[in-house]
């Protein structure tokens, strides 16, 4: 299991995320809130058994491929996006199943 303390740390380590699977957070958090999601602990399973356990004990945040897609869309823009802009785009994607324009 990999644990990331805050969205910035998760974003910095995105290149080592698995090609499939989910990013999880603790249950009971308002992960649609920028402030909460920015400081949340993020969990990524490294084995199938961990993934099963996380599905029981945690809450899904975003699929790893979807996170990479959101990041990719923002990286194509001329201006460099802040970590908060990436997080806002991921939250938008979670709510709307669409990329933020």
PDB file of N, CA and C in Angstrom:
ATOM      1  N   UNK A   1       0.844  -1.166   0.000  1.00  0.00           N
ATOM      2  CA  UNK A   1       0.000   0.000   0.000  1.00  0.00           C
ATOM      3  C   UNK A   1       0.893   1.233   0.000  1.00  0.00           C
ATOM      4  N   UNK A   2       0.453   2.217  -0.773  1.00  0.00           N
ATOM      5  CA  UNK A   2       1.119   3.515  -0.767  1.00  0.00           C
ATOM      6  C   UNK A   2       0.154   4.515  -0.154  1.00  0.00           C
ATOM      7  N   UNK A   3       0.686   5.377   0.706  1.00  0.00           N
ATOM      8  CA  UNK A   3      -0.107   6.411   1.353  1.00  0.00           C
ATOM      9  C   UNK A   3       0.493   7.754   0.979  1.00  0.00           C
ATOM     10  N   UNK A   4      -0.359   8.666   0.553  1.00  0.00           N
ATOM     11  CA  UNK A   4       0.065  10.011   0.181  1.00  0.00           C
ATOM     12  C   UNK A   4      -0.622  10.997   1.114  1.00  0.00           C
ATOM     13  N   UNK A   5       0.159  11.830   1.753  1.00  0.00           N
ATOM     14  CA  UNK A   5      -0.364  12.810   2.697  1.00  0.00           C
ATOM     15  C   UNK A   5      -0.677  14.111   1.969  1.00  0.00           C
ATOM     16  N   UNK A   6      -1.902  14.214   1.496  1.00  0.00           N
ATOM     17  CA  UNK A   6      -2.349  15.399   0.799  1.00  0.00           C
ATOM     18  C   UNK A   6      -2.289  15.238  -0.709  1.00  0.00           C
ATOM     19  N   UNK A   7      -3.093  16.060  -1.383  1.00  0.00           N
ATOM     20  CA  UNK A   7      -3.194  15.966  -2.832  1.00  0.00           C
ATOM     21  C   UNK A   7      -1.884  16.354  -3.517  1.00  0.00           C
ATOM     22  N   UNK A   8      -1.155  17.310  -2.962  1.00  0.00           N
ATOM     23  CA  UNK A   8       0.112  17.729  -3.576  1.00  0.00           C
ATOM     24  C   UNK A   8       1.093  16.567  -3.662  1.00  0.00           C
ATOM     25  N   UNK A   9       1.171  15.795  -2.601  1.00  0.00           N
ATOM     26  CA  UNK A   9       2.073  14.636  -2.601  1.00  0.00           C
ATOM     27  C   UNK A   9       1.614  13.598  -3.617  1.00  0.00           C
ATOM     28  N   UNK A  10       0.302  13.352  -3.699  1.00  0.00           N
ATOM     29  CA  UNK A  10      -0.231  12.424  -4.691  1.00  0.00           C
ATOM     30  C   UNK A  10       0.099  12.912  -6.101  1.00  0.00           C
ATOM     31  N   UNK A  11      -0.089  14.184  -6.341  1.00  0.00           N
ATOM     32  CA  UNK A  11       0.182  14.765  -7.647  1.00  0.00           C
ATOM     33  C   UNK A  11       1.661  14.649  -8.018  1.00  0.00           C
ATOM     34  N   UNK A  12       2.532  14.872  -7.062  1.00  0.00           N
ATOM     35  CA  UNK A  12       3.971  14.777  -7.313  1.00  0.00           C
ATOM     36  C   UNK A  12       4.402  13.357  -7.645  1.00  0.00           C
ATOM     37  N   UNK A  13       3.691  12.386  -7.127  1.00  0.00           N
ATOM     38  CA  UNK A  13       4.042  10.975  -7.318  1.00  0.00           C
ATOM     39  C   UNK A  13       3.193  10.295  -8.394  1.00  0.00           C
ATOM     40  N   UNK A  14       2.485  11.060  -9.201  1.00  0.00           N
ATOM     41  CA  UNK A  14       1.541  10.486 -10.165  1.00  0.00           C
ATOM     42  C   UNK A  14       2.193   9.564 -11.183  1.00  0.00           C
ATOM     43  N   UNK A  15       3.445   9.769 -11.477  1.00  0.00           N
ATOM     44  CA  UNK A  15       4.128   8.935 -12.471  1.00  0.00           C
ATOM     45  C   UNK A  15       4.326   7.495 -12.001  1.00  0.00           C
ATOM     46  N   UNK A  16       4.230   7.253 -10.712  1.00  0.00           N
ATOM     47  CA  UNK A  16       4.404   5.892 -10.195  1.00  0.00           C
ATOM     48  C   UNK A  16       3.073   5.224  -9.849  1.00  0.00           C
ATOM     49  N   UNK A  17       1.967   5.905 -10.145  1.00  0.00           N
ATOM     50  CA  UNK A  17       0.656   5.295  -9.894  1.00  0.00           C
ATOM     51  C   UNK A  17       0.435   4.137 -10.864  1.00  0.00           C
ATOM     52  N   UNK A  18      -0.324   3.141 -10.449  1.00  0.00           N
ATOM     53  CA  UNK A  18      -0.586   2.000 -11.344  1.00  0.00           C
ATOM     54  C   UNK A  18      -1.436   2.419 -12.537  1.00  0.00           C
ATOM     55  N   UNK A  19      -1.330   1.661 -13.608  1.00  0.00           N
ATOM     56  CA  UNK A  19      -2.104   1.956 -14.821  1.00  0.00           C
ATOM     57  C   UNK A  19      -3.588   1.700 -14.621  1.00  0.00           C
ATOM     58  N   UNK A  20      -3.925   0.822 -13.711  1.00  0.00           N
ATOM     59  CA  UNK A  20      -5.321   0.544 -13.376  1.00  0.00           C
ATOM     60  C   UNK A  20      -5.470   0.643 -11.873  1.00  0.00           C
ATOM     61  N   UNK A  21      -6.704   0.703 -11.429  1.00  0.00           N
ATOM     62  CA  UNK A  21      -6.949   0.761  -9.991  1.00  0.00           C
ATOM     63  C   UNK A  21      -7.486   2.122  -9.578  1.00  0.00           C
ATOM     64  N   UNK A  22      -7.649   2.253  -8.288  1.00  0.00           N
ATOM     65  CA  UNK A  22      -8.286   3.425  -7.707  1.00  0.00           C
ATOM     66  C   UNK A  22      -7.373   4.130  -6.722  1.00  0.00           C
ATOM     67  N   UNK A  23      -7.659   5.389  -6.530  1.00  0.00           N
ATOM     68  CA  UNK A  23      -7.105   6.158  -5.418  1.00  0.00           C
ATOM     69  C   UNK A  23      -8.233   6.226  -4.400  1.00  0.00           C
ATOM     70  N   UNK A  24      -7.940   5.852  -3.162  1.00  0.00           N
ATOM     71  CA  UNK A  24      -8.942   5.808  -2.097  1.00  0.00           C
ATOM     72  C   UNK A  24      -8.654   6.879  -1.054  1.00  0.00           C
ATOM     73  N   UNK A  25      -9.699   7.238  -0.307  1.00  0.00           N
ATOM     74  CA  UNK A  25      -9.582   8.136   0.840  1.00  0.00           C
ATOM     75  C   UNK A  25     -10.352   7.505   2.000  1.00  0.00           C
ATOM     76  N   UNK A  26     -10.155   8.059   3.180  1.00  0.00           N
ATOM     77  CA  UNK A  26     -10.895   7.571   4.339  1.00  0.00           C
ATOM     78  C   UNK A  26     -12.375   7.906   4.189  1.00  0.00           C
ATOM     79  N   UNK A  27     -13.219   7.022   4.694  1.00  0.00           N
ATOM     80  CA  UNK A  27     -14.668   7.262   4.662  1.00  0.00           C
ATOM     81  C   UNK A  27     -15.004   8.446   5.557  1.00  0.00           C
ATOM     82  N   UNK A  28     -16.122   9.087   5.234  1.00  0.00           N
ATOM     83  CA  UNK A  28     -16.622  10.159   6.087  1.00  0.00           C
ATOM     84  C   UNK A  28     -16.067  11.532   5.780  1.00  0.00           C
ATOM     85  N   UNK A  29     -15.226  11.653   4.772  1.00  0.00           N
ATOM     86  CA  UNK A  29     -14.667  12.953   4.415  1.00  0.00           C
ATOM     87  C   UNK A  29     -15.444  13.555   3.250  1.00  0.00           C
ATOM     88  N   UNK A  30     -15.601  14.875   3.275  1.00  0.00           N
ATOM     89  CA  UNK A  30     -16.252  15.589   2.175  1.00  0.00           C
ATOM     90  C   UNK A  30     -15.207  15.854   1.102  1.00  0.00           C
ATOM     91  N   UNK A  31     -14.951  14.860   0.278  1.00  0.00           N
ATOM     92  CA  UNK A  31     -13.880  14.976  -0.710  1.00  0.00           C
ATOM     93  C   UNK A  31     -14.267  15.816  -1.915  1.00  0.00           C
ATOM     94  N   UNK A  32     -15.460  16.395  -1.891  1.00  0.00           N
ATOM     95  CA  UNK A  32     -15.823  17.363  -2.915  1.00  0.00           C
ATOM     96  C   UNK A  32     -15.478  18.779  -2.464  1.00  0.00           C
ATOM     97  N   UNK A  33     -14.949  18.893  -1.275  1.00  0.00           N
ATOM     98  CA  UNK A  33     -14.497  20.170  -0.741  1.00  0.00           C
ATOM     99  C   UNK A  33     -13.003  20.307  -1.030  1.00  0.00           C
ATOM    100  N   UNK A  34     -12.612  21.421  -1.629  1.00  0.00           N
ATOM    101  CA  UNK A  34     -11.188  21.640  -1.938  1.00  0.00           C
ATOM    102  C   UNK A  34     -10.325  21.549  -0.688  1.00  0.00           C
ATOM    103  N   UNK A  35     -10.770  22.182   0.392  1.00  0.00           N
ATOM    104  CA  UNK A  35      -9.968  22.208   1.623  1.00  0.00           C
ATOM    105  C   UNK A  35      -9.770  20.810   2.201  1.00  0.00           C
ATOM    106  N   UNK A  36     -10.823  20.016   2.219  1.00  0.00           N
ATOM    107  CA  UNK A  36     -10.728  18.659   2.767  1.00  0.00           C
ATOM    108  C   UNK A  36      -9.900  17.772   1.846  1.00  0.00           C
ATOM    109  N   UNK A  37     -10.188  17.818   0.558  1.00  0.00           N
ATOM    110  CA  UNK A  37      -9.476  16.970  -0.400  1.00  0.00           C
ATOM    111  C   UNK A  37      -8.000  17.335  -0.497  1.00  0.00           C
ATOM    112  N   UNK A  38      -7.674  18.594  -0.323  1.00  0.00           N
ATOM    113  CA  UNK A  38      -6.271  19.030  -0.386  1.00  0.00           C
ATOM    114  C   UNK A  38      -5.435  18.354   0.702  1.00  0.00           C
ATOM    115  N   UNK A  39      -6.024  18.186   1.890  1.00  0.00           N
ATOM    116  CA  UNK A  39      -5.277  17.663   3.034  1.00  0.00           C
ATOM    117  C   UNK A  39      -5.567  16.207   3.363  1.00  0.00           C
ATOM    118  N   UNK A  40      -6.395  15.551   2.563  1.00  0.00           N
ATOM    119  CA  UNK A  40      -6.774  14.160   2.834  1.00  0.00           C
ATOM    120  C   UNK A  40      -5.585  13.216   2.668  1.00  0.00           C
ATOM    121  N   UNK A  41      -5.712  12.052   3.267  1.00  0.00           N
ATOM    122  CA  UNK A  41      -4.752  10.965   3.023  1.00  0.00           C
ATOM    123  C   UNK A  41      -5.284  10.156   1.861  1.00  0.00           C
ATOM    124  N   UNK A  42      -4.406   9.859   0.913  1.00  0.00           N
ATOM    125  CA  UNK A  42      -4.772   9.090  -0.269  1.00  0.00           C
ATOM    126  C   UNK A  42      -4.063   7.744  -0.218  1.00  0.00           C
ATOM    127  N   UNK A  43      -4.798   6.702  -0.553  1.00  0.00           N
ATOM    128  CA  UNK A  43      -4.288   5.337  -0.495  1.00  0.00           C
ATOM    129  C   UNK A  43      -4.356   4.702  -1.879  1.00  0.00           C
ATOM    130  N   UNK A  44      -3.300   4.011  -2.246  1.00  0.00           N
ATOM    131  CA  UNK A  44      -3.271   3.270  -3.503  1.00  0.00           C
ATOM    132  C   UNK A  44      -2.829   1.845  -3.177  1.00  0.00           C
ATOM    133  N   UNK A  45      -3.658   0.896  -3.575  1.00  0.00           N
ATOM    134  CA  UNK A  45      -3.361  -0.515  -3.313  1.00  0.00           C
ATOM    135  C   UNK A  45      -2.240  -0.986  -4.235  1.00  0.00           C
ATOM    136  N   UNK A  46      -1.383  -1.835  -3.694  1.00  0.00           N
ATOM    137  CA  UNK A  46      -0.306  -2.418  -4.490  1.00  0.00           C
ATOM    138  C   UNK A  46      -0.565  -3.886  -4.813  1.00  0.00           C
ATOM    139  N   UNK A  47      -1.577  -4.459  -4.173  1.00  0.00           N
ATOM    140  CA  UNK A  47      -1.944  -5.848  -4.440  1.00  0.00           C
ATOM    141  C   UNK A  47      -3.464  -5.941  -4.571  1.00  0.00           C
ATOM    142  N   UNK A  48      -3.923  -7.036  -5.128  1.00  0.00           N
ATOM    143  CA  UNK A  48      -5.359  -7.254  -5.276  1.00  0.00           C
ATOM    144  C   UNK A  48      -6.046  -7.359  -3.917  1.00  0.00           C
ATOM    145  N   UNK A  49      -5.377  -7.992  -2.950  1.00  0.00           N
ATOM    146  CA  UNK A  49      -5.960  -8.105  -1.610  1.00  0.00           C
ATOM    147  C   UNK A  49      -6.109  -6.742  -0.951  1.00  0.00           C
ATOM    148  N   UNK A  50      -5.129  -5.869  -1.123  1.00  0.00           N
ATOM    149  CA  UNK A  50      -5.242  -4.506  -0.589  1.00  0.00           C
ATOM    150  C   UNK A  50      -6.404  -3.765  -1.247  1.00  0.00           C
ATOM    151  N   UNK A  51      -6.547  -3.936  -2.545  1.00  0.00           N
ATOM    152  CA  UNK A  51      -7.641  -3.280  -3.274  1.00  0.00           C
ATOM    153  C   UNK A  51      -8.993  -3.736  -2.710  1.00  0.00           C
ATOM    154  N   UNK A  52      -9.143  -5.018  -2.469  1.00  0.00           N
ATOM    155  CA  UNK A  52     -10.385  -5.558  -1.911  1.00  0.00           C
ATOM    156  C   UNK A  52     -10.633  -4.973  -0.522  1.00  0.00           C
ATOM    157  N   UNK A  53      -9.596  -4.915   0.298  1.00  0.00           N
ATOM    158  CA  UNK A  53      -9.728  -4.354   1.643  1.00  0.00           C
ATOM    159  C   UNK A  53     -10.100  -2.873   1.595  1.00  0.00           C
ATOM    160  N   UNK A  54      -9.486  -2.119   0.700  1.00  0.00           N
ATOM    161  CA  UNK A  54      -9.799  -0.699   0.559  1.00  0.00           C
ATOM    162  C   UNK A  54     -11.236  -0.500   0.090  1.00  0.00           C
ATOM    163  N   UNK A  55     -11.713  -1.371  -0.780  1.00  0.00           N
ATOM    164  CA  UNK A  55     -13.096  -1.260  -1.243  1.00  0.00           C
ATOM    165  C   UNK A  55     -14.078  -1.432  -0.090  1.00  0.00           C
ATOM    166  N   UNK A  56     -13.683  -2.191   0.920  1.00  0.00           N
ATOM    167  CA  UNK A  56     -14.526  -2.404   2.105  1.00  0.00           C
ATOM    168  C   UNK A  56     -14.378  -1.289   3.135  1.00  0.00           C
ATOM    169  N   UNK A  57     -13.159  -0.812   3.322  1.00  0.00           N
ATOM    170  CA  UNK A  57     -12.890   0.087   4.445  1.00  0.00           C
ATOM    171  C   UNK A  57     -12.685   1.555   4.064  1.00  0.00           C
ATOM    172  N   UNK A  58     -12.501   1.856   2.795  1.00  0.00           N
ATOM    173  CA  UNK A  58     -12.225   3.227   2.346  1.00  0.00           C
ATOM    174  C   UNK A  58     -13.288   3.665   1.356  1.00  0.00           C
ATOM    175  N   UNK A  59     -13.113   4.848   0.859  1.00  0.00           N
ATOM    176  CA  UNK A  59     -14.011   5.423  -0.153  1.00  0.00           C
ATOM    177  C   UNK A  59     -13.195   5.705  -1.405  1.00  0.00           C
ATOM    178  N   UNK A  60     -13.750   5.410  -2.561  1.00  0.00           N
ATOM    179  CA  UNK A  60     -13.017   5.699  -3.791  1.00  0.00           C
ATOM    180  C   UNK A  60     -12.995   7.209  -4.026  1.00  0.00           C
ATOM    181  N   UNK A  61     -11.862   7.693  -4.495  1.00  0.00           N
ATOM    182  CA  UNK A  61     -11.722   9.105  -4.847  1.00  0.00           C
ATOM    183  C   UNK A  61     -11.782   9.259  -6.363  1.00  0.00           C
ATOM    184  N   UNK A  62     -10.871   8.587  -7.051  1.00  0.00           N
ATOM    185  CA  UNK A  62     -10.829   8.655  -8.508  1.00  0.00           C
ATOM    186  C   UNK A  62     -10.022   7.463  -9.013  1.00  0.00           C
ATOM    187  N   UNK A  63     -10.352   6.997 -10.204  1.00  0.00           N
ATOM    188  CA  UNK A  63      -9.552   5.944 -10.820  1.00  0.00           C
ATOM    189  C   UNK A  63      -8.199   6.521 -11.229  1.00  0.00           C
ATOM    190  N   UNK A  64      -7.160   5.740 -11.104  1.00  0.00           N
ATOM    191  CA  UNK A  64      -5.818   6.201 -11.483  1.00  0.00           C
ATOM    192  C   UNK A  64      -5.766   6.687 -12.931  1.00  0.00           C
ATOM    193  N   UNK A  65      -6.333   5.943 -13.912  1.00  0.00           N
ATOM    194  CA  UNK A  65      -6.296   6.436 -15.298  1.00  0.00           C
ATOM    195  C   UNK A  65      -7.050   7.757 -15.476  1.00  0.00           C
ATOM    196  N   UNK A  66      -8.143   7.938 -14.759  1.00  0.00           N
ATOM    197  CA  UNK A  66      -8.902   9.186 -14.857  1.00  0.00           C
ATOM    198  C   UNK A  66      -8.101  10.352 -14.291  1.00  0.00           C
ATOM    199  N   UNK A  67      -7.411  10.119 -13.193  1.00  0.00           N
ATOM    200  CA  UNK A  67      -6.551  11.155 -12.626  1.00  0.00           C
ATOM    201  C   UNK A  67      -5.498  11.570 -13.640  1.00  0.00           C
ATOM    202  N   UNK A  68      -4.893  10.594 -14.284  1.00  0.00           N
ATOM    203  CA  UNK A  68      -3.855  10.901 -15.279  1.00  0.00           C
ATOM    204  C   UNK A  68      -4.449  11.646 -16.474  1.00  0.00           C
ATOM    205  N   UNK A  69      -5.672  11.322 -16.858  1.00  0.00           N
ATOM    206  CA  UNK A  69      -6.326  12.028 -17.960  1.00  0.00           C
ATOM    207  C   UNK A  69      -6.598  13.484 -17.600  1.00  0.00           C
ATOM    208  N   UNK A  70      -7.090  13.730 -16.393  1.00  0.00           N
ATOM    209  CA  UNK A  70      -7.353  15.104 -15.949  1.00  0.00           C
ATOM    210  C   UNK A  70      -6.054  15.904 -15.935  1.00  0.00           C
ATOM    211  N   UNK A  71      -5.002  15.310 -15.404  1.00  0.00           N
ATOM    212  CA  UNK A  71      -3.700  15.977 -15.368  1.00  0.00           C
ATOM    213  C   UNK A  71      -3.219  16.274 -16.788  1.00  0.00           C
ATOM    214  N   UNK A  72      -3.376  15.317 -17.676  1.00  0.00           N
ATOM    215  CA  UNK A  72      -2.946  15.477 -19.062  1.00  0.00           C
ATOM    216  C   UNK A  72      -3.658  16.642 -19.746  1.00  0.00           C
ATOM    217  N   UNK A  73      -4.962  16.760 -19.512  1.00  0.00           N
ATOM    218  CA  UNK A  73      -5.729  17.853 -20.110  1.00  0.00           C
ATOM    219  C   UNK A  73      -5.204  19.197 -19.620  1.00  0.00           C
ATOM    220  N   UNK A  74      -4.943  19.311 -18.328  1.00  0.00           N
ATOM    221  CA  UNK A  74      -4.433  20.579 -17.786  1.00  0.00           C
ATOM    222  C   UNK A  74      -3.020  20.883 -18.263  1.00  0.00           C
ATOM    223  N   UNK A  75      -2.218  19.855 -18.449  1.00  0.00           N
ATOM    224  CA  UNK A  75      -0.836  20.077 -18.881  1.00  0.00           C
ATOM    225  C   UNK A  75      -0.748  20.572 -20.318  1.00  0.00           C
ATOM    226  N   UNK A  76      -1.807  20.394 -21.093  1.00  0.00           N
ATOM    227  CA  UNK A  76      -1.818  20.863 -22.481  1.00  0.00           C
ATOM    228  C   UNK A  76      -2.070  22.365 -22.589  1.00  0.00           C
ATOM    229  N   UNK A  77      -2.484  22.970 -21.502  1.00  0.00           N
ATOM    230  CA  UNK A  77      -2.744  24.401 -21.507  1.00  0.00           C
ATOM    231  C   UNK A  77      -1.428  25.173 -21.478  1.00  0.00           C
ATOM    232  N   UNK A  78      -1.485  26.405 -21.944  1.00  0.00           N
ATOM    233  CA  UNK A  78      -0.273  27.222 -22.022  1.00  0.00           C
ATOM    234  C   UNK A  78       0.248  27.603 -20.645  1.00  0.00           C
ATOM    235  N   UNK A  79      -0.633  27.947 -19.744  1.00  0.00           N
ATOM    236  CA  UNK A  79      -0.222  28.341 -18.404  1.00  0.00           C
ATOM    237  C   UNK A  79      -0.087  27.117 -17.514  1.00  0.00           C
ATOM    238  N   UNK A  80       0.944  27.112 -16.692  1.00  0.00           N
ATOM    239  CA  UNK A  80       1.142  26.001 -15.766  1.00  0.00           C
ATOM    240  C   UNK A  80       0.097  26.065 -14.661  1.00  0.00           C
ATOM    241  N   UNK A  81      -0.591  24.964 -14.437  1.00  0.00           N
ATOM    242  CA  UNK A  81      -1.645  24.906 -13.431  1.00  0.00           C
ATOM    243  C   UNK A  81      -1.060  24.679 -12.045  1.00  0.00           C
ATOM    244  N   UNK A  82      -1.704  25.246 -11.052  1.00  0.00           N
ATOM    245  CA  UNK A  82      -1.313  25.027  -9.660  1.00  0.00           C
ATOM    246  C   UNK A  82      -1.871  23.694  -9.178  1.00  0.00           C
ATOM    247  N   UNK A  83      -1.368  23.217  -8.058  1.00  0.00           N
ATOM    248  CA  UNK A  83      -1.883  21.969  -7.479  1.00  0.00           C
ATOM    249  C   UNK A  83      -3.368  22.117  -7.170  1.00  0.00           C
ATOM    250  N   UNK A  84      -3.788  23.289  -6.731  1.00  0.00           N
ATOM    251  CA  UNK A  84      -5.197  23.526  -6.427  1.00  0.00           C
ATOM    252  C   UNK A  84      -6.049  23.454  -7.701  1.00  0.00           C
ATOM    253  N   UNK A  85      -5.516  23.931  -8.826  1.00  0.00           N
ATOM    254  CA  UNK A  85      -6.239  23.849 -10.096  1.00  0.00           C
ATOM    255  C   UNK A  85      -6.405  22.389 -10.523  1.00  0.00           C
ATOM    256  N   UNK A  86      -5.361  21.575 -10.313  1.00  0.00           N
ATOM    257  CA  UNK A  86      -5.472  20.149 -10.619  1.00  0.00           C
ATOM    258  C   UNK A  86      -6.545  19.502  -9.739  1.00  0.00           C
ATOM    259  N   UNK A  87      -6.523  19.821  -8.455  1.00  0.00           N
ATOM    260  CA  UNK A  87      -7.494  19.251  -7.533  1.00  0.00           C
ATOM    261  C   UNK A  87      -8.907  19.687  -7.902  1.00  0.00           C
ATOM    262  N   UNK A  88      -9.083  20.950  -8.218  1.00  0.00           N
ATOM    263  CA  UNK A  88     -10.391  21.452  -8.637  1.00  0.00           C
ATOM    264  C   UNK A  88     -10.880  20.707  -9.879  1.00  0.00           C
ATOM    265  N   UNK A  89      -9.985  20.456 -10.818  1.00  0.00           N
ATOM    266  CA  UNK A  89     -10.346  19.735 -12.047  1.00  0.00           C
ATOM    267  C   UNK A  89     -10.726  18.285 -11.751  1.00  0.00           C
ATOM    268  N   UNK A  90     -10.027  17.650 -10.815  1.00  0.00           N
ATOM    269  CA  UNK A  90     -10.361  16.263 -10.441  1.00  0.00           C
ATOM    270  C   UNK A  90     -11.727  16.217  -9.761  1.00  0.00           C
ATOM    271  N   UNK A  91     -11.989  17.160  -8.870  1.00  0.00           N
ATOM    272  CA  UNK A  91     -13.292  17.209  -8.200  1.00  0.00           C
ATOM    273  C   UNK A  91     -14.396  17.458  -9.223  1.00  0.00           C
ATOM    274  N   UNK A  92     -14.164  18.357 -10.161  1.00  0.00           N
ATOM    275  CA  UNK A  92     -15.136  18.611 -11.224  1.00  0.00           C
ATOM    276  C   UNK A  92     -15.402  17.324 -12.008  1.00  0.00           C
ATOM    277  N   UNK A  93     -14.328  16.608 -12.344  1.00  0.00           N
ATOM    278  CA  UNK A  93     -14.468  15.346 -13.084  1.00  0.00           C
ATOM    279  C   UNK A  93     -15.294  14.339 -12.286  1.00  0.00           C
ATOM    280  N   UNK A  94     -15.023  14.229 -10.980  1.00  0.00           N
ATOM    281  CA  UNK A  94     -15.765  13.298 -10.131  1.00  0.00           C
ATOM    282  C   UNK A  94     -17.258  13.602 -10.148  1.00  0.00           C
ATOM    283  N   UNK A  95     -17.600  14.882 -10.086  1.00  0.00           N
ATOM    284  CA  UNK A  95     -19.006  15.283 -10.009  1.00  0.00           C
ATOM    285  C   UNK A  95     -19.723  15.181 -11.357  1.00  0.00           C
ATOM    286  N   UNK A  96     -19.012  15.468 -12.446  1.00  0.00           N
ATOM    287  CA  UNK A  96     -19.650  15.626 -13.743  1.00  0.00           C
ATOM    288  C   UNK A  96     -19.288  14.575 -14.778  1.00  0.00           C
ATOM    289  N   UNK A  97     -18.330  13.712 -14.453  1.00  0.00           N
ATOM    290  CA  UNK A  97     -17.832  12.726 -15.402  1.00  0.00           C
ATOM    291  C   UNK A  97     -17.463  13.406 -16.726  1.00  0.00           C
ATOM    292  N   UNK A  98     -16.837  14.566 -16.575  1.00  0.00           N
ATOM    293  CA  UNK A  98     -16.457  15.377 -17.737  1.00  0.00           C
ATOM    294  C   UNK A  98     -15.273  16.246 -17.337  1.00  0.00           C
ATOM    295  N   UNK A  99     -14.504  16.647 -18.332  1.00  0.00           N
ATOM    296  CA  UNK A  99     -13.346  17.497 -18.067  1.00  0.00           C
ATOM    297  C   UNK A  99     -13.774  18.946 -17.954  1.00  0.00           C
ATOM    298  N   UNK A 100     -13.121  19.670 -17.082  1.00  0.00           N
ATOM    299  CA  UNK A 100     -13.410  21.092 -16.889  1.00  0.00           C
ATOM    300  C   UNK A 100     -12.753  21.877 -18.004  1.00  0.00           C
ATOM    301  N   UNK A 101     -13.510  22.710 -18.652  1.00  0.00           N
ATOM    302  CA  UNK A 101     -12.970  23.528 -19.755  1.00  0.00           C
ATOM    303  C   UNK A 101     -12.329  24.781 -19.232  1.00  0.00           C
TER     304      UNK A 101
END
